[in-house]
C-alpha cells in the first residue's frame, strides 16, 4: 500500500521491489557460477577405465586413468602396454570368436 501525503497526486515511486528483483537476479547468477565451478572441479575426478581380457584364459585386468591429467593418461597407456605384452587385449577389440571362446569354458 502506498502512502500519500496531502498534495500528492501521484504515488511516490517505490524502488524496493525493483531492488529485490535485482538482488534475486544477482543471487541466481552467483548460484549458476558456483554450480559451473563445482561441475568443472568434479569433472577432473572422473576416472576412465579400460578393461583388458586375455583371449586364451579369459582373465581380465583394468587400467584406470588416475586423475584426468596428461600424466594420468600416460600412466594408463603404460598399464595397457604392459598387459598387451602379456597377451591381453582391450575388451572392445575382441573378435566374436574370442568372445564365444571366453564365454564357454574349455572341456577337459
Protein backbone atom coordinates (compact mmCIF):
# COMPACT_ATOMS: atom_id res chain seq x y z
CA UNK A 1 0.00 0.00 0.00
CA UNK A 2 1.38 3.37 -0.99
CA UNK A 3 1.07 6.20 1.49
CA UNK A 4 0.10 9.54 0.11
CA UNK A 5 0.78 12.90 1.56
CA UNK A 6 -1.51 15.79 1.28
CA UNK A 7 -0.96 17.39 -2.08
CA UNK A 8 0.47 14.26 -3.76
CA UNK A 9 -1.46 13.50 -6.88
CA UNK A 10 0.66 10.53 -7.88
CA UNK A 11 2.08 7.89 -5.64
CA UNK A 12 5.77 8.22 -4.97
CA UNK A 13 7.77 5.64 -6.84
CA UNK A 14 8.78 2.69 -4.76
CA UNK A 15 12.07 1.13 -5.85
CA UNK A 16 12.02 -1.56 -3.18
CA UNK A 17 10.54 -4.26 -5.39
CA UNK A 18 12.95 -3.48 -8.22
CA UNK A 19 15.86 -3.64 -5.81
CA UNK A 20 14.71 -7.02 -4.54
CA UNK A 21 14.39 -8.31 -8.09
CA UNK A 22 17.92 -7.17 -8.88
CA UNK A 23 19.24 -8.81 -5.72
CA UNK A 24 17.46 -12.05 -6.58
CA UNK A 25 18.92 -11.93 -10.09
CA UNK A 26 22.42 -11.42 -8.65
CA UNK A 27 21.93 -14.40 -6.30
CA UNK A 28 20.87 -16.58 -9.23
CA UNK A 29 23.95 -15.55 -11.22
CA UNK A 30 26.18 -16.35 -8.24
CA UNK A 31 24.50 -19.73 -7.81
CA UNK A 32 24.91 -20.53 -11.51
CA UNK A 33 28.61 -19.65 -11.43
CA UNK A 34 29.09 -21.77 -8.30
CA UNK A 35 27.35 -24.73 -9.95
CA UNK A 36 29.52 -24.44 -13.06
CA UNK A 37 32.68 -24.30 -10.95
CA UNK A 38 31.56 -27.33 -8.95
CA UNK A 39 30.91 -29.34 -12.10
CA UNK A 40 34.26 -28.32 -13.55
CA UNK A 41 36.03 -29.40 -10.37
CA UNK A 42 34.23 -32.75 -10.27
CA UNK A 43 34.91 -33.49 -13.92
CA UNK A 44 38.59 -33.75 -13.07
CA UNK A 45 37.77 -36.61 -10.68
CA UNK A 46 36.14 -38.80 -13.29
CA UNK A 47 38.09 -41.96 -13.93
CA UNK A 48 38.19 -43.64 -17.29
CA UNK A 49 38.99 -47.30 -17.31
CA UNK A 50 39.93 -49.82 -19.94
CA UNK A 51 39.09 -53.47 -19.40
CA UNK A 52 41.68 -55.84 -20.85
CA UNK A 53 40.93 -59.51 -21.46
CA UNK A 54 43.27 -62.40 -22.14
CA UNK A 55 41.57 -64.24 -25.04
CA UNK A 56 43.23 -67.55 -24.11
CA UNK A 57 42.48 -67.67 -20.39
CA UNK A 58 39.55 -65.26 -20.01
CA UNK A 59 41.36 -63.34 -17.25
CA UNK A 60 40.61 -59.63 -17.02
CA UNK A 61 42.60 -56.62 -15.90
CA UNK A 62 41.52 -53.00 -15.52
CA UNK A 63 43.71 -49.99 -16.29
CA UNK A 64 42.36 -46.78 -14.75
CA UNK A 65 43.12 -43.20 -15.68
CA UNK A 66 44.07 -41.84 -12.31
CA UNK A 67 43.28 -38.13 -12.23
CA UNK A 68 42.21 -36.89 -15.65
CA UNK A 69 45.56 -35.23 -16.35
CA UNK A 70 48.12 -35.92 -19.04
CA UNK A 71 50.26 -37.81 -16.51
CA UNK A 72 47.25 -39.95 -15.57
CA UNK A 73 46.57 -40.75 -19.21
CA UNK A 74 50.23 -41.68 -19.76
CA UNK A 75 50.14 -43.98 -16.73
CA UNK A 76 47.03 -45.66 -18.16
CA UNK A 77 48.71 -46.10 -21.56
CA UNK A 78 51.75 -47.64 -19.84
CA UNK A 79 49.45 -50.04 -17.99
CA UNK A 80 47.72 -51.06 -21.23
CA UNK A 81 51.07 -51.56 -22.98
CA UNK A 82 52.37 -53.78 -20.17
CA UNK A 83 49.28 -56.02 -20.25
CA UNK A 84 49.28 -56.18 -24.07
CA UNK A 85 52.80 -57.66 -23.90
CA UNK A 86 51.34 -60.45 -21.75
CA UNK A 87 48.64 -61.20 -24.35
CA UNK A 88 45.77 -59.09 -23.03
CA UNK A 89 43.53 -57.19 -25.45
CA UNK A 90 41.05 -54.36 -24.72
CA UNK A 91 37.60 -55.93 -24.41
CA UNK A 92 36.18 -53.83 -27.25
CA UNK A 93 38.83 -55.26 -29.60
CA UNK A 94 37.90 -58.91 -29.03
CA UNK A 95 36.62 -60.75 -32.09
CA UNK A 96 33.33 -62.66 -32.00
CA UNK A 97 35.20 -65.98 -31.96
CA UNK A 98 37.28 -64.88 -28.98
CA UNK A 99 34.16 -63.76 -27.11
CA UNK A 100 32.49 -67.14 -27.67
CA UNK A 101 35.64 -68.98 -26.57
CA UNK A 102 35.81 -66.93 -23.36
CA UNK A 103 32.12 -67.43 -22.51
CA UNK A 104 32.21 -71.22 -22.94
CA UNK A 105 34.72 -72.87 -20.59
CA UNK A 106 37.10 -75.38 -22.11
CA UNK A 107 36.12 -79.01 -21.62
CA UNK A 108 38.76 -81.43 -20.24
